[in-house]
Amino acid sequence: MAKLLLVDDNLDLCATLTEWLATESYVVESCQTGESALELLAYSKYDLIILDITMPGIDGFSVCRRFRREGGSTPILFLTGKGAISDKETGLDQGGDDYLTKPFDFRELSARVRALLRRFSAVEVGLLQFADLQVDSKIRAVRRSGQIVNLSPKEYELLEFLLRRPNEIFNAAALLQHVWPSESTATEQTVRACVKRLRETLDVPGRPSYILNQRGHGYMLNSESKTFAPSGPDTFEEA
């Protein structure tokens, strides 16, 4: 089931589009500003972004440009009332993959979404690798030395978040914001307990932990654990 990010400052349109795309079996998250879009894109993975251009603050062109500059490869469909050829040229040159002007037929939007998802799913591998860990983000599967590792949904989301940011350190408060953004009952202790369970599941006795706890600073992937990855065909190198 593909996960889409819808960015448009028109609340009524967002609600209608979310309902329509849900009937097409998509999971949709929406926001109304460019700033919010960049925050979501910093820690969540989407299969497609539907992006308005004219918004308060950071406009859609700037969101697209910054996302591409930071390495984002998710396909972007501009959905906007700006229909001039120069606007379309700008959008595509900034890194957009398709451009649909308002007003539009919902069936055409659905067809364009399907086409973009087909095109990009053919080249998107979705594999994350670190030491002898391999994560297939498409099916949310984790393997250690070729063997399946069973994780809870939050343990998986935490692991994927850290794997996508191998050189960054996050304290419990930051992880709470990024991995538990909509769970009002979660606390920093929730984060610490999840990290503990994840380390107990992944770690190998006698070897450095996969997740390093730098006291007073936070958590990050432990580069030393790569040194101890077993040799042979089941060894994976970080992508």
C-alpha atoms as a PDB file:
ATOM      1  CA  MET A   1       0.000   0.000   0.000  1.00  0.00           C
ATOM      2  CA  ALA A   2       1.644   3.227  -1.169  1.00  0.00           C
ATOM      3  CA  LYS A   3       2.051   6.103   1.286  1.00  0.00           C
ATOM      4  CA  LEU A   4       1.502   9.605  -0.110  1.00  0.00           C
ATOM      5  CA  LEU A   5       2.256  13.065   1.265  1.00  0.00           C
ATOM      6  CA  LEU A   6      -0.252  15.736   0.208  1.00  0.00           C
ATOM      7  CA  VAL A   7       0.875  19.342   0.672  1.00  0.00           C
ATOM      8  CA  ASP A   8      -1.726  22.060   0.007  1.00  0.00           C
ATOM      9  CA  ASP A   9      -2.944  25.032   2.039  1.00  0.00           C
ATOM     10  CA  ASN A  10      -6.554  24.464   0.920  1.00  0.00           C
ATOM     11  CA  LEU A  11      -8.042  22.452   3.786  1.00  0.00           C
ATOM     12  CA  ASP A  12     -11.205  21.547   1.869  1.00  0.00           C
ATOM     13  CA  LEU A  13      -9.210  20.261  -1.087  1.00  0.00           C
ATOM     14  CA  CYS A  14      -6.916  18.279   1.234  1.00  0.00           C
ATOM     15  CA  ALA A  15      -9.898  16.616   2.889  1.00  0.00           C
ATOM     16  CA  THR A  16     -11.563  15.778  -0.435  1.00  0.00           C
ATOM     17  CA  LEU A  17      -8.347  14.478  -1.991  1.00  0.00           C
ATOM     18  CA  THR A  18      -7.496  12.408   1.070  1.00  0.00           C
ATOM     19  CA  GLU A  19     -10.922  10.779   0.923  1.00  0.00           C
ATOM     20  CA  TRP A  20     -10.614  10.144  -2.820  1.00  0.00           C
ATOM     21  CA  LEU A  21      -7.127   8.661  -2.604  1.00  0.00           C
ATOM     22  CA  ALA A  22      -8.185   6.478   0.332  1.00  0.00           C
ATOM     23  CA  THR A  23     -10.779   4.872  -1.951  1.00  0.00           C
ATOM     24  CA  GLU A  24      -7.848   4.115  -4.286  1.00  0.00           C
ATOM     25  CA  SER A  25      -6.183   2.219  -1.405  1.00  0.00           C
ATOM     26  CA  TYR A  26      -3.491   4.799  -0.646  1.00  0.00           C
ATOM     27  CA  VAL A  27      -2.372   5.933   2.804  1.00  0.00           C
ATOM     28  CA  VAL A  28      -2.348   9.739   2.812  1.00  0.00           C
ATOM     29  CA  GLU A  29      -0.734  12.210   5.190  1.00  0.00           C
ATOM     30  CA  SER A  30      -1.345  15.903   4.596  1.00  0.00           C
ATOM     31  CA  CYS A  31      -0.010  19.271   5.713  1.00  0.00           C
ATOM     32  CA  GLN A  32      -0.662  22.865   4.712  1.00  0.00           C
ATOM     33  CA  THR A  33       2.725  24.596   4.654  1.00  0.00           C
ATOM     34  CA  GLY A  34       6.109  24.121   3.060  1.00  0.00           C
ATOM     35  CA  GLU A  35       7.748  24.212   6.477  1.00  0.00           C
ATOM     36  CA  SER A  36       5.583  21.326   7.695  1.00  0.00           C
ATOM     37  CA  ALA A  37       6.307  19.379   4.527  1.00  0.00           C
ATOM     38  CA  LEU A  38      10.065  19.650   5.012  1.00  0.00           C
ATOM     39  CA  GLU A  39       9.737  18.566   8.644  1.00  0.00           C
ATOM     40  CA  LEU A  40       7.746  15.480   7.654  1.00  0.00           C
ATOM     41  CA  LEU A  41      10.126  14.630   4.821  1.00  0.00           C
ATOM     42  CA  ALA A  42      13.068  14.828   7.226  1.00  0.00           C
ATOM     43  CA  TYR A  43      11.979  11.739   9.149  1.00  0.00           C
ATOM     44  CA  SER A  44       9.233   9.946   7.184  1.00  0.00           C
ATOM     45  CA  LYS A  45       9.429   8.000   3.955  1.00  0.00           C
ATOM     46  CA  TYR A  46       6.757   8.414   1.298  1.00  0.00           C
ATOM     47  CA  ASP A  47       6.198   6.746  -2.049  1.00  0.00           C
ATOM     48  CA  LEU A  48       4.904   9.940  -3.699  1.00  0.00           C
ATOM     49  CA  ILE A  49       4.561  13.643  -2.876  1.00  0.00           C
ATOM     50  CA  ILE A  50       1.638  15.699  -4.220  1.00  0.00           C
ATOM     51  CA  LEU A  51       2.764  19.302  -3.869  1.00  0.00           C
ATOM     52  CA  ASP A  52       1.022  22.657  -4.281  1.00  0.00           C
ATOM     53  CA  ILE A  53       3.167  25.608  -5.355  1.00  0.00           C
ATOM     54  CA  THR A  54       1.510  28.713  -3.915  1.00  0.00           C
ATOM     55  CA  MET A  55       1.541  28.413  -0.126  1.00  0.00           C
ATOM     56  CA  PRO A  56       2.284  30.777   2.768  1.00  0.00           C
ATOM     57  CA  GLY A  57       5.953  30.872   3.742  1.00  0.00           C
ATOM     58  CA  ILE A  58       8.032  28.324   1.852  1.00  0.00           C
ATOM     59  CA  ASP A  59       6.447  27.691  -1.556  1.00  0.00           C
ATOM     60  CA  GLY A  60       6.278  24.367  -3.385  1.00  0.00           C
ATOM     61  CA  PHE A  61       9.162  25.145  -5.734  1.00  0.00           C
ATOM     62  CA  SER A  62      11.424  25.776  -2.724  1.00  0.00           C
ATOM     63  CA  VAL A  63      10.239  22.596  -0.964  1.00  0.00           C
ATOM     64  CA  CYS A  64      11.056  20.570  -4.066  1.00  0.00           C
ATOM     65  CA  ARG A  65      14.437  22.216  -4.565  1.00  0.00           C
ATOM     66  CA  ARG A  66      15.513  21.751  -0.932  1.00  0.00           C
ATOM     67  CA  PHE A  67      14.269  18.159  -0.824  1.00  0.00           C
ATOM     68  CA  ARG A  68      16.235  17.261  -3.956  1.00  0.00           C
ATOM     69  CA  ARG A  69      19.325  19.116  -2.743  1.00  0.00           C
ATOM     70  CA  GLU A  70      19.299  17.028   0.443  1.00  0.00           C
ATOM     71  CA  GLY A  71      19.157  13.799  -1.552  1.00  0.00           C
ATOM     72  CA  GLY A  72      15.409  13.134  -1.604  1.00  0.00           C
ATOM     73  CA  SER A  73      14.424  10.900  -4.525  1.00  0.00           C
ATOM     74  CA  THR A  74      10.683  10.441  -3.907  1.00  0.00           C
ATOM     75  CA  PRO A  75       8.641  11.327  -7.034  1.00  0.00           C
ATOM     76  CA  ILE A  76       6.911  14.719  -6.865  1.00  0.00           C
ATOM     77  CA  LEU A  77       3.669  15.618  -8.617  1.00  0.00           C
ATOM     78  CA  PHE A  78       2.969  19.355  -8.657  1.00  0.00           C
ATOM     79  CA  LEU A  79      -0.766  20.047  -8.267  1.00  0.00           C
ATOM     80  CA  THR A  80      -1.352  23.760  -8.720  1.00  0.00           C
ATOM     81  CA  GLY A  81      -3.377  26.569 -10.242  1.00  0.00           C
ATOM     82  CA  LYS A  82      -0.236  27.982 -11.889  1.00  0.00           C
ATOM     83  CA  GLY A  83      -0.697  26.780 -15.452  1.00  0.00           C
ATOM     84  CA  ALA A  84       1.729  28.907 -17.451  1.00  0.00           C
ATOM     85  CA  ILE A  85       4.340  27.073 -19.494  1.00  0.00           C
ATOM     86  CA  SER A  86       7.053  28.961 -17.604  1.00  0.00           C
ATOM     87  CA  ASP A  87       5.664  27.655 -14.287  1.00  0.00           C
ATOM     88  CA  LYS A  88       5.610  24.085 -15.584  1.00  0.00           C
ATOM     89  CA  GLU A  89       9.153  24.493 -16.866  1.00  0.00           C
ATOM     90  CA  THR A  90      10.289  25.824 -13.477  1.00  0.00           C
ATOM     91  CA  GLY A  91       8.595  23.017 -11.577  1.00  0.00           C
ATOM     92  CA  LEU A  92      10.127  20.278 -13.664  1.00  0.00           C
ATOM     93  CA  ASP A  93      13.541  21.951 -13.665  1.00  0.00           C
ATOM     94  CA  GLN A  94      13.440  22.222  -9.851  1.00  0.00           C
ATOM     95  CA  GLY A  95      13.092  18.433  -9.613  1.00  0.00           C
ATOM     96  CA  GLY A  96       9.384  17.748 -10.116  1.00  0.00           C
ATOM     97  CA  ASP A  97       8.381  14.620 -12.018  1.00  0.00           C
ATOM     98  CA  ASP A  98       4.905  15.619 -13.223  1.00  0.00           C
ATOM     99  CA  TYR A  99       2.667  18.687 -13.254  1.00  0.00           C
ATOM    100  CA  LEU A 100      -1.136  18.848 -13.092  1.00  0.00           C
ATOM    101  CA  THR A 101      -3.044  22.129 -13.098  1.00  0.00           C
ATOM    102  CA  LYS A 102      -6.221  22.998 -11.192  1.00  0.00           C
ATOM    103  CA  PRO A 103      -9.063  22.464 -11.842  1.00  0.00           C
ATOM    104  CA  PHE A 104      -8.472  18.795 -12.606  1.00  0.00           C
ATOM    105  CA  ASP A 105     -10.376  15.546 -12.893  1.00  0.00           C
ATOM    106  CA  PHE A 106      -9.726  13.199  -9.971  1.00  0.00           C
ATOM    107  CA  ARG A 107      -9.476  10.285 -12.377  1.00  0.00           C
ATOM    108  CA  GLU A 108      -6.619  11.985 -14.204  1.00  0.00           C
ATOM    109  CA  LEU A 109      -4.879  12.601 -10.890  1.00  0.00           C
ATOM    110  CA  SER A 110      -5.239   8.908 -10.010  1.00  0.00           C
ATOM    111  CA  ALA A 111      -3.841   7.882 -13.392  1.00  0.00           C
ATOM    112  CA  ARG A 112      -0.828  10.150 -12.965  1.00  0.00           C
ATOM    113  CA  VAL A 113      -0.215   8.843  -9.436  1.00  0.00           C
ATOM    114  CA  ARG A 114      -0.313   5.250 -10.687  1.00  0.00           C
ATOM    115  CA  ALA A 115       2.056   6.060 -13.553  1.00  0.00           C
ATOM    116  CA  LEU A 116       4.600   7.722 -11.244  1.00  0.00           C
ATOM    117  CA  LEU A 117       4.443   4.873  -8.736  1.00  0.00           C
ATOM    118  CA  ARG A 118       4.979   2.305 -11.507  1.00  0.00           C
ATOM    119  CA  ARG A 119       7.889   4.239 -12.943  1.00  0.00           C
ATOM    120  CA  PHE A 120       9.711   4.716  -9.658  1.00  0.00           C
ATOM    121  CA  SER A 121       8.943   1.332  -8.114  1.00  0.00           C
ATOM    122  CA  ALA A 122      10.867  -0.228 -10.980  1.00  0.00           C
ATOM    123  CA  VAL A 123      14.088   1.475  -9.823  1.00  0.00           C
ATOM    124  CA  GLU A 124      13.552   1.931  -6.090  1.00  0.00           C
ATOM    125  CA  VAL A 125      15.266  -0.906  -4.265  1.00  0.00           C
ATOM    126  CA  GLY A 126      14.420   0.143  -0.730  1.00  0.00           C
ATOM    127  CA  LEU A 127      17.354  -1.687   0.917  1.00  0.00           C
ATOM    128  CA  LEU A 128      19.219  -0.276   3.913  1.00  0.00           C
ATOM    129  CA  GLN A 129      22.385  -2.007   5.064  1.00  0.00           C
ATOM    130  CA  PHE A 130      24.658  -1.683   8.089  1.00  0.00           C
ATOM    131  CA  ALA A 131      27.224  -4.283   9.141  1.00  0.00           C
ATOM    132  CA  ASP A 132      25.397  -7.619   8.909  1.00  0.00           C
ATOM    133  CA  LEU A 133      21.966  -5.961   9.137  1.00  0.00           C
ATOM    134  CA  GLN A 134      19.821  -5.621   6.050  1.00  0.00           C
ATOM    135  CA  VAL A 135      16.463  -3.836   6.080  1.00  0.00           C
ATOM    136  CA  ASP A 136      14.008  -4.018   3.183  1.00  0.00           C
ATOM    137  CA  SER A 137      11.885  -0.919   3.726  1.00  0.00           C
ATOM    138  CA  LYS A 138       9.396  -1.980   1.063  1.00  0.00           C
ATOM    139  CA  ILE A 139       8.194  -4.953   3.099  1.00  0.00           C
ATOM    140  CA  ARG A 140       9.573  -3.818   6.495  1.00  0.00           C
ATOM    141  CA  ALA A 141      11.736  -6.931   6.810  1.00  0.00           C
ATOM    142  CA  VAL A 142      14.944  -7.086   8.878  1.00  0.00           C
ATOM    143  CA  ARG A 143      17.689  -9.682   8.495  1.00  0.00           C
ATOM    144  CA  ARG A 144      20.858 -10.227  10.532  1.00  0.00           C
ATOM    145  CA  SER A 145      23.462 -12.404   8.818  1.00  0.00           C
ATOM    146  CA  GLY A 146      20.690 -13.545   6.495  1.00  0.00           C
ATOM    147  CA  GLN A 147      18.322 -14.574   9.300  1.00  0.00           C
ATOM    148  CA  ILE A 148      14.931 -12.886   9.772  1.00  0.00           C
ATOM    149  CA  VAL A 149      14.704 -10.678  12.882  1.00  0.00           C
ATOM    150  CA  ASN A 150      11.238 -10.085  14.321  1.00  0.00           C
ATOM    151  CA  LEU A 151      10.673  -6.547  15.572  1.00  0.00           C
ATOM    152  CA  SER A 152       7.623  -4.698  16.837  1.00  0.00           C
ATOM    153  CA  PRO A 153       6.354  -1.898  14.558  1.00  0.00           C
ATOM    154  CA  LYS A 154       7.957   0.825  16.695  1.00  0.00           C
ATOM    155  CA  GLU A 155      11.237  -1.065  17.017  1.00  0.00           C
ATOM    156  CA  TYR A 156      11.316  -1.327  13.234  1.00  0.00           C
ATOM    157  CA  GLU A 157      10.508   2.370  12.740  1.00  0.00           C
ATOM    158  CA  LEU A 158      13.229   3.357  15.190  1.00  0.00           C
ATOM    159  CA  LEU A 159      15.790   1.144  13.461  1.00  0.00           C
ATOM    160  CA  GLU A 160      14.877   2.443  10.003  1.00  0.00           C
ATOM    161  CA  PHE A 161      15.059   6.035  11.225  1.00  0.00           C
ATOM    162  CA  LEU A 162      18.608   5.527  12.556  1.00  0.00           C
ATOM    163  CA  LEU A 163      19.715   3.582   9.473  1.00  0.00           C
ATOM    164  CA  ARG A 164      18.671   6.473   7.243  1.00  0.00           C
ATOM    165  CA  ARG A 165      20.827   8.839   9.331  1.00  0.00           C
ATOM    166  CA  PRO A 166      24.000   6.826  10.024  1.00  0.00           C
ATOM    167  CA  ASN A 167      26.186   9.761  11.086  1.00  0.00           C
ATOM    168  CA  GLU A 168      23.710  11.619  13.287  1.00  0.00           C
ATOM    169  CA  ILE A 169      23.015  11.453  17.008  1.00  0.00           C
ATOM    170  CA  PHE A 170      19.544  11.877  18.537  1.00  0.00           C
ATOM    171  CA  ASN A 171      18.550  12.254  22.169  1.00  0.00           C
ATOM    172  CA  ALA A 172      15.349  10.709  23.521  1.00  0.00           C
ATOM    173  CA  ALA A 173      13.372  13.918  23.022  1.00  0.00           C
ATOM    174  CA  ALA A 174      14.346  14.114  19.348  1.00  0.00           C
ATOM    175  CA  LEU A 175      13.507  10.447  18.737  1.00  0.00           C
ATOM    176  CA  LEU A 176      10.167  10.975  20.481  1.00  0.00           C
ATOM    177  CA  GLN A 177       9.377  13.800  18.071  1.00  0.00           C
ATOM    178  CA  HIS A 178      10.466  11.931  14.955  1.00  0.00           C
ATOM    179  CA  VAL A 179       9.362   8.344  15.580  1.00  0.00           C
ATOM    180  CA  TRP A 180       6.359   8.908  17.877  1.00  0.00           C
ATOM    181  CA  PRO A 181       5.009  12.216  16.425  1.00  0.00           C
ATOM    182  CA  SER A 182       1.286  11.497  16.828  1.00  0.00           C
ATOM    183  CA  GLU A 183       1.292   9.434  20.034  1.00  0.00           C
ATOM    184  CA  SER A 184       0.389  11.780  22.884  1.00  0.00           C
ATOM    185  CA  THR A 185       0.915   9.135  25.573  1.00  0.00           C
ATOM    186  CA  ALA A 186       4.507   8.355  24.569  1.00  0.00           C
ATOM    187  CA  THR A 187       7.305   9.748  26.744  1.00  0.00           C
ATOM    188  CA  GLU A 188      11.087   9.849  26.685  1.00  0.00           C
ATOM    189  CA  GLN A 189      11.000   6.738  28.866  1.00  0.00           C
ATOM    190  CA  THR A 190       8.996   5.054  26.083  1.00  0.00           C
ATOM    191  CA  VAL A 191      11.879   5.837  23.743  1.00  0.00           C
ATOM    192  CA  ARG A 192      14.525   4.496  26.109  1.00  0.00           C
ATOM    193  CA  ALA A 193      12.565   1.283  26.655  1.00  0.00           C
ATOM    194  CA  CYS A 194      12.219   0.792  22.890  1.00  0.00           C
ATOM    195  CA  VAL A 195      15.951   1.354  22.360  1.00  0.00           C
ATOM    196  CA  LYS A 196      16.708  -1.187  25.090  1.00  0.00           C
ATOM    197  CA  ARG A 197      14.451  -3.820  23.493  1.00  0.00           C
ATOM    198  CA  LEU A 198      15.910  -3.153  20.064  1.00  0.00           C
ATOM    199  CA  ARG A 199      19.474  -3.519  21.323  1.00  0.00           C
ATOM    200  CA  GLU A 200      18.614  -6.740  23.154  1.00  0.00           C
ATOM    201  CA  THR A 201      17.156  -8.161  19.931  1.00  0.00           C
ATOM    202  CA  LEU A 202      19.870  -7.049  17.542  1.00  0.00           C
ATOM    203  CA  ASP A 203      23.074  -7.206  19.548  1.00  0.00           C
ATOM    204  CA  VAL A 204      25.456 -10.142  19.437  1.00  0.00           C
ATOM    205  CA  PRO A 205      27.184 -11.167  22.699  1.00  0.00           C
ATOM    206  CA  GLY A 206      30.846 -10.215  22.739  1.00  0.00           C
ATOM    207  CA  ARG A 207      30.479  -7.584  20.020  1.00  0.00           C
ATOM    208  CA  PRO A 208      29.812  -3.834  20.200  1.00  0.00           C
ATOM    209  CA  SER A 209      26.152  -2.855  20.268  1.00  0.00           C
ATOM    210  CA  TYR A 210      24.631  -1.780  16.963  1.00  0.00           C
ATOM    211  CA  ILE A 211      23.229   1.313  18.679  1.00  0.00           C
ATOM    212  CA  LEU A 212      25.677   3.504  20.571  1.00  0.00           C
ATOM    213  CA  ASN A 213      24.475   5.408  23.631  1.00  0.00           C
ATOM    214  CA  GLN A 214      26.638   8.486  24.100  1.00  0.00           C
ATOM    215  CA  ARG A 215      25.811   9.473  27.657  1.00  0.00           C
ATOM    216  CA  GLY A 216      24.460  12.992  27.834  1.00  0.00           C
ATOM    217  CA  HIS A 217      24.088  13.247  24.061  1.00  0.00           C
ATOM    218  CA  GLY A 218      21.863  10.481  22.701  1.00  0.00           C
ATOM    219  CA  TYR A 219      21.788   7.499  20.359  1.00  0.00           C
ATOM    220  CA  MET A 220      23.339   6.759  16.981  1.00  0.00           C
ATOM    221  CA  LEU A 221      24.533   3.804  14.935  1.00  0.00           C
ATOM    222  CA  ASN A 222      27.802   2.452  16.313  1.00  0.00           C
ATOM    223  CA  SER A 223      30.435   2.472  13.577  1.00  0.00           C
ATOM    224  CA  GLU A 224      32.569   0.051  15.603  1.00  0.00           C
ATOM    225  CA  SER A 225      29.944  -2.673  15.183  1.00  0.00           C
ATOM    226  CA  LYS A 226      30.673  -2.776  11.428  1.00  0.00           C
ATOM    227  CA  THR A 227      34.207  -3.959  12.177  1.00  0.00           C
ATOM    228  CA  PHE A 228      32.804  -7.103  13.763  1.00  0.00           C
ATOM    229  CA  ALA A 229      30.439  -8.049  10.939  1.00  0.00           C
ATOM    230  CA  PRO A 230      30.987 -11.723  10.036  1.00  0.00           C
ATOM    231  CA  SER A 231      32.790 -12.422   6.794  1.00  0.00           C
ATOM    232  CA  GLY A 232      31.381 -14.427   3.931  1.00  0.00           C
ATOM    233  CA  PRO A 233      28.359 -14.168   1.626  1.00  0.00           C
ATOM    234  CA  ASP A 234      26.011 -12.982   4.388  1.00  0.00           C
ATOM    235  CA  THR A 235      28.075  -9.880   5.143  1.00  0.00           C
ATOM    236  CA  PHE A 236      26.433  -6.603   4.188  1.00  0.00           C
ATOM    237  CA  GLU A 237      28.168  -3.257   3.750  1.00  0.00           C
ATOM    238  CA  GLU A 238      26.477   0.029   4.533  1.00  0.00           C
ATOM    239  CA  ALA A 239      24.827   1.544   1.469  1.00  0.00           C
END
